[in-house]
């Protein structure tokens, strides 16, 4: 069964990617998005192509291009930071503030024992995430918060590292950047959801998509927030 379609026109699809479905075929084999691309042709001759990537555990909005010209334009929109996105995340922690901006440059490291991961590093690639606290439940050691992120950049594992080193706790269920104080216990996956996606297009209506609040977020005790008002994407700073 193909993933649910959130937006469709002649050059784009936005699908609701399920948690646990890799975009690319894993080296060890197994199911991935490619298995569903024939079903997503929807009468077109070409298979659609994923424009960007979501981690296997991450659910929600994924943009697909339906022809090569559209793919080229969408790739440039991502490069120029003209794609507006929001993500929902769960952490077992209550931030000291209710909103803010995290600016931590990121660099990749690797070791034989732990494999590769991203870390905050002054000489890394710039990464900026805006965030707001939507809900906090529980108290003390059982506190849990729902965070909305608006990433300004799109670095690998950006929100996962920014949650850990910017907010002070890993995403609930994150097997790479947790556990801290047992904070990845009781979660079926890394609790990150690509909530909305918007792409402005010259001469055409904007691509807009909103993915419903995930059931495993509900089971974590959290309440679906109202959809955000999508701001225009931030243009790339050439400085």
C-alpha atoms as a PDB file:
ATOM      1  CA  UNK A   1       0.000   0.000   0.000  1.00  0.00           C
ATOM      2  CA  UNK A   2       1.442   3.359  -1.065  1.00  0.00           C
ATOM      3  CA  UNK A   3       1.916   6.127   1.518  1.00  0.00           C
ATOM      4  CA  UNK A   4      -0.888   8.670   1.909  1.00  0.00           C
ATOM      5  CA  UNK A   5      -0.690  11.624  -0.498  1.00  0.00           C
ATOM      6  CA  UNK A   6      -0.920  15.042   1.170  1.00  0.00           C
ATOM      7  CA  UNK A   7      -0.459  17.193  -1.964  1.00  0.00           C
ATOM      8  CA  UNK A   8      -0.617  16.422  -5.681  1.00  0.00           C
ATOM      9  CA  UNK A   9      -0.292  18.362  -8.908  1.00  0.00           C
ATOM     10  CA  UNK A  10       1.456  17.930 -12.258  1.00  0.00           C
ATOM     11  CA  UNK A  11       4.981  18.450 -10.946  1.00  0.00           C
ATOM     12  CA  UNK A  12       4.907  17.507  -7.263  1.00  0.00           C
ATOM     13  CA  UNK A  13       3.672  15.039  -4.707  1.00  0.00           C
ATOM     14  CA  UNK A  14       3.976  15.373  -0.959  1.00  0.00           C
ATOM     15  CA  UNK A  15       3.506  12.067   0.818  1.00  0.00           C
ATOM     16  CA  UNK A  16       3.040  11.229   4.480  1.00  0.00           C
ATOM     17  CA  UNK A  17       6.079   8.997   4.989  1.00  0.00           C
ATOM     18  CA  UNK A  18       5.477   6.402   7.697  1.00  0.00           C
ATOM     19  CA  UNK A  19       7.984   6.059  10.526  1.00  0.00           C
ATOM     20  CA  UNK A  20      10.249   3.077   9.889  1.00  0.00           C
ATOM     21  CA  UNK A  21      10.249   3.375   6.084  1.00  0.00           C
ATOM     22  CA  UNK A  22      13.708   4.318   4.704  1.00  0.00           C
ATOM     23  CA  UNK A  23      13.816   6.690   1.743  1.00  0.00           C
ATOM     24  CA  UNK A  24      16.830   4.825   0.280  1.00  0.00           C
ATOM     25  CA  UNK A  25      17.358   1.071   0.156  1.00  0.00           C
ATOM     26  CA  UNK A  26      19.333  -0.027   3.263  1.00  0.00           C
ATOM     27  CA  UNK A  27      22.685  -1.706   2.593  1.00  0.00           C
ATOM     28  CA  UNK A  28      21.380  -4.835   4.273  1.00  0.00           C
ATOM     29  CA  UNK A  29      18.296  -4.776   2.021  1.00  0.00           C
ATOM     30  CA  UNK A  30      14.673  -4.617   3.057  1.00  0.00           C
ATOM     31  CA  UNK A  31      11.651  -2.397   2.354  1.00  0.00           C
ATOM     32  CA  UNK A  32      12.071   1.252   1.371  1.00  0.00           C
ATOM     33  CA  UNK A  33      10.231   4.053  -0.428  1.00  0.00           C
ATOM     34  CA  UNK A  34      11.363   2.700  -3.810  1.00  0.00           C
ATOM     35  CA  UNK A  35       8.950  -0.205  -3.360  1.00  0.00           C
ATOM     36  CA  UNK A  36       6.031   2.264  -3.571  1.00  0.00           C
ATOM     37  CA  UNK A  37       7.156   4.491  -6.449  1.00  0.00           C
ATOM     38  CA  UNK A  38       5.289   2.585  -9.155  1.00  0.00           C
ATOM     39  CA  UNK A  39       2.053   3.047  -7.201  1.00  0.00           C
ATOM     40  CA  UNK A  40       2.879   6.755  -6.881  1.00  0.00           C
ATOM     41  CA  UNK A  41       3.194   7.322 -10.647  1.00  0.00           C
ATOM     42  CA  UNK A  42      -0.594   7.922 -10.665  1.00  0.00           C
ATOM     43  CA  UNK A  43      -0.889   7.724 -14.429  1.00  0.00           C
ATOM     44  CA  UNK A  44       2.441   9.363 -15.216  1.00  0.00           C
ATOM     45  CA  UNK A  45       5.102   7.428 -17.141  1.00  0.00           C
ATOM     46  CA  UNK A  46       7.935   8.392 -14.793  1.00  0.00           C
ATOM     47  CA  UNK A  47       8.336   7.369 -11.208  1.00  0.00           C
ATOM     48  CA  UNK A  48       8.461  10.354  -8.838  1.00  0.00           C
ATOM     49  CA  UNK A  49      11.819  11.112  -7.200  1.00  0.00           C
ATOM     50  CA  UNK A  50      12.387  12.121  -3.580  1.00  0.00           C
ATOM     51  CA  UNK A  51      13.744  15.688  -3.473  1.00  0.00           C
ATOM     52  CA  UNK A  52      15.097  15.477   0.075  1.00  0.00           C
ATOM     53  CA  UNK A  53      15.581  12.886   2.797  1.00  0.00           C
ATOM     54  CA  UNK A  54      13.966  12.063   6.107  1.00  0.00           C
ATOM     55  CA  UNK A  55      15.593   9.708   8.592  1.00  0.00           C
ATOM     56  CA  UNK A  56      14.057   6.232   8.629  1.00  0.00           C
ATOM     57  CA  UNK A  57      12.404   6.884  12.006  1.00  0.00           C
ATOM     58  CA  UNK A  58      11.059  10.313  11.019  1.00  0.00           C
ATOM     59  CA  UNK A  59       7.460  10.426   9.838  1.00  0.00           C
ATOM     60  CA  UNK A  60       5.634  13.090   7.847  1.00  0.00           C
ATOM     61  CA  UNK A  61       5.951  15.375   4.835  1.00  0.00           C
ATOM     62  CA  UNK A  62       8.276  14.224   2.047  1.00  0.00           C
ATOM     63  CA  UNK A  63       8.403  16.070  -1.285  1.00  0.00           C
ATOM     64  CA  UNK A  64       8.646  14.097  -4.538  1.00  0.00           C
ATOM     65  CA  UNK A  65       9.244  15.573  -8.001  1.00  0.00           C
ATOM     66  CA  UNK A  66       7.289  14.143 -10.930  1.00  0.00           C
ATOM     67  CA  UNK A  67       9.637  15.226 -13.748  1.00  0.00           C
ATOM     68  CA  UNK A  68      13.318  16.207 -14.146  1.00  0.00           C
ATOM     69  CA  UNK A  69      12.645  19.950 -14.572  1.00  0.00           C
ATOM     70  CA  UNK A  70      10.634  20.042 -11.363  1.00  0.00           C
ATOM     71  CA  UNK A  71      13.353  18.087  -9.554  1.00  0.00           C
ATOM     72  CA  UNK A  72      15.960  20.648 -10.617  1.00  0.00           C
ATOM     73  CA  UNK A  73      13.791  23.570  -9.449  1.00  0.00           C
ATOM     74  CA  UNK A  74      12.978  21.921  -6.115  1.00  0.00           C
ATOM     75  CA  UNK A  75      16.629  21.042  -5.502  1.00  0.00           C
ATOM     76  CA  UNK A  76      17.525  24.698  -6.016  1.00  0.00           C
ATOM     77  CA  UNK A  77      14.712  25.779  -3.685  1.00  0.00           C
ATOM     78  CA  UNK A  78      16.218  23.596  -0.941  1.00  0.00           C
ATOM     79  CA  UNK A  79      19.719  24.891  -1.654  1.00  0.00           C
ATOM     80  CA  UNK A  80      18.484  28.503  -1.476  1.00  0.00           C
ATOM     81  CA  UNK A  81      16.488  27.854   1.730  1.00  0.00           C
ATOM     82  CA  UNK A  82      13.190  28.647   0.031  1.00  0.00           C
ATOM     83  CA  UNK A  83      11.388  25.644   1.531  1.00  0.00           C
ATOM     84  CA  UNK A  84       9.472  26.286   4.756  1.00  0.00           C
ATOM     85  CA  UNK A  85       9.250  23.312   7.126  1.00  0.00           C
ATOM     86  CA  UNK A  86       8.104  22.587  10.651  1.00  0.00           C
ATOM     87  CA  UNK A  87       8.781  19.487  12.730  1.00  0.00           C
ATOM     88  CA  UNK A  88       7.263  18.188  15.944  1.00  0.00           C
ATOM     89  CA  UNK A  89       9.552  16.532  18.479  1.00  0.00           C
ATOM     90  CA  UNK A  90       9.181  14.937  21.905  1.00  0.00           C
ATOM     91  CA  UNK A  91      11.726  15.294  24.697  1.00  0.00           C
ATOM     92  CA  UNK A  92      11.588  14.085  28.309  1.00  0.00           C
ATOM     93  CA  UNK A  93      12.638  17.469  29.607  1.00  0.00           C
ATOM     94  CA  UNK A  94      11.165  20.954  30.173  1.00  0.00           C
ATOM     95  CA  UNK A  95      13.244  23.731  28.597  1.00  0.00           C
ATOM     96  CA  UNK A  96      13.936  26.782  30.722  1.00  0.00           C
ATOM     97  CA  UNK A  97      12.470  29.052  28.019  1.00  0.00           C
ATOM     98  CA  UNK A  98       9.327  28.764  25.908  1.00  0.00           C
ATOM     99  CA  UNK A  99      10.959  29.578  22.568  1.00  0.00           C
ATOM    100  CA  UNK A 100      14.279  30.458  21.052  1.00  0.00           C
ATOM    101  CA  UNK A 101      16.847  29.946  18.315  1.00  0.00           C
ATOM    102  CA  UNK A 102      19.633  27.373  18.342  1.00  0.00           C
ATOM    103  CA  UNK A 103      22.677  28.212  16.221  1.00  0.00           C
ATOM    104  CA  UNK A 104      25.218  25.407  16.497  1.00  0.00           C
ATOM    105  CA  UNK A 105      27.440  24.499  13.567  1.00  0.00           C
ATOM    106  CA  UNK A 106      27.645  20.766  12.909  1.00  0.00           C
ATOM    107  CA  UNK A 107      30.439  18.433  11.893  1.00  0.00           C
ATOM    108  CA  UNK A 108      30.566  14.688  11.244  1.00  0.00           C
ATOM    109  CA  UNK A 109      32.759  12.382  13.329  1.00  0.00           C
ATOM    110  CA  UNK A 110      33.253   8.628  13.183  1.00  0.00           C
ATOM    111  CA  UNK A 111      34.704   5.929  15.388  1.00  0.00           C
ATOM    112  CA  UNK A 112      34.990   2.154  15.150  1.00  0.00           C
ATOM    113  CA  UNK A 113      33.056   1.725  18.387  1.00  0.00           C
ATOM    114  CA  UNK A 114      30.089   4.070  17.799  1.00  0.00           C
ATOM    115  CA  UNK A 115      30.052   4.567  14.033  1.00  0.00           C
ATOM    116  CA  UNK A 116      29.360   8.061  12.683  1.00  0.00           C
ATOM    117  CA  UNK A 117      27.423  10.889  14.250  1.00  0.00           C
ATOM    118  CA  UNK A 118      27.119  14.670  14.091  1.00  0.00           C
ATOM    119  CA  UNK A 119      28.495  16.976  16.761  1.00  0.00           C
ATOM    120  CA  UNK A 120      28.427  20.708  17.424  1.00  0.00           C
ATOM    121  CA  UNK A 121      31.735  22.173  16.215  1.00  0.00           C
ATOM    122  CA  UNK A 122      32.840  25.757  15.625  1.00  0.00           C
ATOM    123  CA  UNK A 123      34.422  24.806  12.316  1.00  0.00           C
ATOM    124  CA  UNK A 124      31.392  22.782  11.191  1.00  0.00           C
ATOM    125  CA  UNK A 125      28.677  23.783   8.730  1.00  0.00           C
ATOM    126  CA  UNK A 126      26.309  26.491  10.027  1.00  0.00           C
ATOM    127  CA  UNK A 127      23.004  25.136  11.344  1.00  0.00           C
ATOM    128  CA  UNK A 128      20.099  27.181  12.717  1.00  0.00           C
ATOM    129  CA  UNK A 129      16.834  25.939  14.243  1.00  0.00           C
ATOM    130  CA  UNK A 130      14.013  28.038  15.706  1.00  0.00           C
ATOM    131  CA  UNK A 131      11.852  26.330  18.318  1.00  0.00           C
ATOM    132  CA  UNK A 132       8.826  26.803  20.530  1.00  0.00           C
ATOM    133  CA  UNK A 133       7.429  24.818  23.451  1.00  0.00           C
ATOM    134  CA  UNK A 134       3.881  23.672  22.659  1.00  0.00           C
ATOM    135  CA  UNK A 135       3.010  21.486  25.638  1.00  0.00           C
ATOM    136  CA  UNK A 136       4.504  20.058  28.810  1.00  0.00           C
ATOM    137  CA  UNK A 137       2.976  17.187  30.771  1.00  0.00           C
ATOM    138  CA  UNK A 138       4.042  15.511  34.006  1.00  0.00           C
ATOM    139  CA  UNK A 139       6.448  16.690  36.654  1.00  0.00           C
ATOM    140  CA  UNK A 140       9.954  16.031  37.922  1.00  0.00           C
ATOM    141  CA  UNK A 141      11.558  12.945  36.413  1.00  0.00           C
ATOM    142  CA  UNK A 142       8.380  12.222  34.434  1.00  0.00           C
ATOM    143  CA  UNK A 143       8.112  15.503  32.586  1.00  0.00           C
ATOM    144  CA  UNK A 144       7.592  15.408  28.800  1.00  0.00           C
ATOM    145  CA  UNK A 145       7.509  18.260  26.290  1.00  0.00           C
ATOM    146  CA  UNK A 146       6.261  18.733  22.742  1.00  0.00           C
ATOM    147  CA  UNK A 147       8.512  21.030  20.712  1.00  0.00           C
ATOM    148  CA  UNK A 148       7.900  22.597  17.301  1.00  0.00           C
ATOM    149  CA  UNK A 149      11.073  23.204  15.310  1.00  0.00           C
ATOM    150  CA  UNK A 150      11.421  25.505  12.293  1.00  0.00           C
ATOM    151  CA  UNK A 151      14.795  24.610  10.800  1.00  0.00           C
ATOM    152  CA  UNK A 152      16.418  27.399   8.821  1.00  0.00           C
ATOM    153  CA  UNK A 153      19.087  25.046   7.478  1.00  0.00           C
ATOM    154  CA  UNK A 154      18.870  21.362   6.622  1.00  0.00           C
ATOM    155  CA  UNK A 155      21.955  19.643   7.983  1.00  0.00           C
ATOM    156  CA  UNK A 156      22.104  15.907   8.641  1.00  0.00           C
ATOM    157  CA  UNK A 157      20.679  15.099  12.102  1.00  0.00           C
ATOM    158  CA  UNK A 158      20.340  18.845  12.749  1.00  0.00           C
ATOM    159  CA  UNK A 159      17.274  18.707  14.984  1.00  0.00           C
ATOM    160  CA  UNK A 160      18.526  15.661  16.853  1.00  0.00           C
ATOM    161  CA  UNK A 161      21.793  17.382  17.791  1.00  0.00           C
ATOM    162  CA  UNK A 162      20.136  20.740  18.439  1.00  0.00           C
ATOM    163  CA  UNK A 163      17.667  19.096  20.815  1.00  0.00           C
ATOM    164  CA  UNK A 164      20.488  17.445  22.755  1.00  0.00           C
ATOM    165  CA  UNK A 165      22.984  20.285  22.852  1.00  0.00           C
ATOM    166  CA  UNK A 166      20.673  23.279  22.433  1.00  0.00           C
ATOM    167  CA  UNK A 167      17.654  22.294  24.550  1.00  0.00           C
ATOM    168  CA  UNK A 168      19.460  19.943  26.922  1.00  0.00           C
ATOM    169  CA  UNK A 169      17.871  16.587  26.116  1.00  0.00           C
ATOM    170  CA  UNK A 170      17.840  14.126  23.203  1.00  0.00           C
ATOM    171  CA  UNK A 171      14.701  13.397  21.249  1.00  0.00           C
ATOM    172  CA  UNK A 172      12.701  10.684  22.957  1.00  0.00           C
ATOM    173  CA  UNK A 173      13.686   7.318  21.511  1.00  0.00           C
ATOM    174  CA  UNK A 174      16.859   8.522  19.776  1.00  0.00           C
ATOM    175  CA  UNK A 175      19.290   5.572  19.749  1.00  0.00           C
ATOM    176  CA  UNK A 176      22.291   7.657  18.597  1.00  0.00           C
ATOM    177  CA  UNK A 177      22.161  10.863  20.645  1.00  0.00           C
ATOM    178  CA  UNK A 178      20.461   9.359  23.703  1.00  0.00           C
ATOM    179  CA  UNK A 179      19.860   7.937  26.152  1.00  0.00           C
ATOM    180  CA  UNK A 180      20.455  10.627  28.725  1.00  0.00           C
ATOM    181  CA  UNK A 181      18.926   9.973  32.129  1.00  0.00           C
ATOM    182  CA  UNK A 182      16.927   7.145  30.567  1.00  0.00           C
ATOM    183  CA  UNK A 183      15.194   9.507  28.163  1.00  0.00           C
ATOM    184  CA  UNK A 184      14.874   7.097  25.274  1.00  0.00           C
ATOM    185  CA  UNK A 185      12.927   4.503  27.226  1.00  0.00           C
ATOM    186  CA  UNK A 186       9.360   3.720  26.286  1.00  0.00           C
ATOM    187  CA  UNK A 187       9.460   5.122  22.745  1.00  0.00           C
ATOM    188  CA  UNK A 188       8.968   3.001  19.628  1.00  0.00           C
ATOM    189  CA  UNK A 189      11.232   5.247  17.542  1.00  0.00           C
ATOM    190  CA  UNK A 190      13.020   8.581  17.480  1.00  0.00           C
ATOM    191  CA  UNK A 191      10.060  10.888  18.112  1.00  0.00           C
ATOM    192  CA  UNK A 192      10.403  13.354  15.250  1.00  0.00           C
ATOM    193  CA  UNK A 193       7.627  14.234  12.793  1.00  0.00           C
ATOM    194  CA  UNK A 194       7.846  16.404   9.647  1.00  0.00           C
ATOM    195  CA  UNK A 195       4.662  18.360  10.328  1.00  0.00           C
ATOM    196  CA  UNK A 196       4.414  20.826   7.436  1.00  0.00           C
ATOM    197  CA  UNK A 197       6.141  21.673   4.175  1.00  0.00           C
ATOM    198  CA  UNK A 198       5.721  24.697   1.909  1.00  0.00           C
ATOM    199  CA  UNK A 199       7.401  25.646  -1.366  1.00  0.00           C
ATOM    200  CA  UNK A 200       6.687  28.907  -3.191  1.00  0.00           C
ATOM    201  CA  UNK A 201       6.563  28.626  -7.002  1.00  0.00           C
ATOM    202  CA  UNK A 202       6.740  31.368  -9.609  1.00  0.00           C
ATOM    203  CA  UNK A 203       3.488  31.539 -11.574  1.00  0.00           C
ATOM    204  CA  UNK A 204       1.884  28.671  -9.646  1.00  0.00           C
ATOM    205  CA  UNK A 205       0.183  28.122  -6.337  1.00  0.00           C
ATOM    206  CA  UNK A 206       2.557  27.218  -3.548  1.00  0.00           C
ATOM    207  CA  UNK A 207       3.036  23.603  -2.544  1.00  0.00           C
ATOM    208  CA  UNK A 208       1.592  23.253   0.954  1.00  0.00           C
ATOM    209  CA  UNK A 209       1.174  20.089   3.009  1.00  0.00           C
ATOM    210  CA  UNK A 210       0.324  19.238   6.614  1.00  0.00           C
ATOM    211  CA  UNK A 211       0.818  15.747   8.056  1.00  0.00           C
ATOM    212  CA  UNK A 212      -1.583  14.631  10.797  1.00  0.00           C
ATOM    213  CA  UNK A 213      -0.379  14.266  14.384  1.00  0.00           C
ATOM    214  CA  UNK A 214       1.128  10.762  14.754  1.00  0.00           C
ATOM    215  CA  UNK A 215      -0.614   8.121  16.827  1.00  0.00           C
ATOM    216  CA  UNK A 216       2.555   7.299  18.758  1.00  0.00           C
ATOM    217  CA  UNK A 217       2.766  10.954  19.861  1.00  0.00           C
ATOM    218  CA  UNK A 218      -0.781  10.582  21.202  1.00  0.00           C
ATOM    219  CA  UNK A 219       0.218   7.391  23.017  1.00  0.00           C
ATOM    220  CA  UNK A 220       3.114   9.353  24.530  1.00  0.00           C
ATOM    221  CA  UNK A 221       0.449  11.477  26.241  1.00  0.00           C
ATOM    222  CA  UNK A 222       0.650  14.559  24.007  1.00  0.00           C
ATOM    223  CA  UNK A 223      -2.091  16.577  22.318  1.00  0.00           C
ATOM    224  CA  UNK A 224      -2.223  17.542  18.649  1.00  0.00           C
ATOM    225  CA  UNK A 225      -1.457  21.274  18.321  1.00  0.00           C
ATOM    226  CA  UNK A 226      -3.221  23.636  15.899  1.00  0.00           C
ATOM    227  CA  UNK A 227      -1.437  23.740  12.534  1.00  0.00           C
ATOM    228  CA  UNK A 228       1.217  26.463  12.404  1.00  0.00           C
ATOM    229  CA  UNK A 229       1.009  29.590  10.299  1.00  0.00           C
ATOM    230  CA  UNK A 230       3.688  28.961   7.724  1.00  0.00           C
ATOM    231  CA  UNK A 231       6.052  31.934   7.323  1.00  0.00           C
ATOM    232  CA  UNK A 232       7.896  32.487   4.048  1.00  0.00           C
ATOM    233  CA  UNK A 233      11.136  30.560   3.900  1.00  0.00           C
ATOM    234  CA  UNK A 234      14.296  32.455   4.728  1.00  0.00           C
ATOM    235  CA  UNK A 235      16.443  33.295   1.733  1.00  0.00           C
ATOM    236  CA  UNK A 236      20.020  32.104   1.854  1.00  0.00           C
ATOM    237  CA  UNK A 237      22.531  34.581   3.249  1.00  0.00           C
ATOM    238  CA  UNK A 238      25.382  34.897   0.792  1.00  0.00           C
ATOM    239  CA  UNK A 239      27.665  36.407   3.429  1.00  0.00           C
END
